[in-house]
Amino acid sequence: MAACLGLLISPIRLQSETLTFTASAAATSVPNVTVRQTNYTQIDIQTNVVAQILHLHQSINGAQGDGYLTIRANGLDFTYTEITLNSAGNNMPSVIGPATITLTAVIIINTVTQGTFRDNMICTISTTKPDQFTPNSAVVVPADSAGPVSIILESSVDMVNWIPANPGTYGTTTTNRFFRVRATR
């Protein structure tokens, strides 16, 4: 006979989403001048949200591109290029918010090159955050002046008849054993 142990508390579920963002910088060459153009896209990672870099790619049209990805957390900057992330293999960087992820496209045109050139950057990240906790089955002790509150743990095998219980180890001699927490004055 299988035993089931249940606790009437909401489970913590995780919400995940995948985001792709881009940055592009374009410049036109000017005779006898080195041109450098920069453009960026920034994403803020909220507190307790986990962000992991899944993919970073740079596409350069005809000139030197110096695009990069920066993760800013705890006042420190961590910078990555497509080459450094490719060499990381399966060890892609991740961060727990609060943090900022910035994708920067940089195009550099020297005096010999002629035409308009573009540095395109694309990055995909996965973010995971816990669902908001809803105290639908939790005990909340009110902040009032009505006096102290007793917290009571109870056990039941049928969810009709409840008996006092203590925290500890319980056997599996019944089909189901449920627990609830109550507050009384």
Foldseek 3Di string as FASTA:
>chain_A
DDAAEAEPFDDKDKDKDKDKDKWKWKDFADAPDKDKTKTKDKDFAAAQKKKWWDAKDKDKFPFDKDKWKWKADPNDIDIGDRVRQVVCPPCTDMDGDRIMIMTMIMGIDHNVDGGMIMMMMMTMMMMMHIDDGDVPQPEDDDPDDPDDKDKFKWKDLVVPDTDGDDDDDDDRPGRYMYMGIDIDD
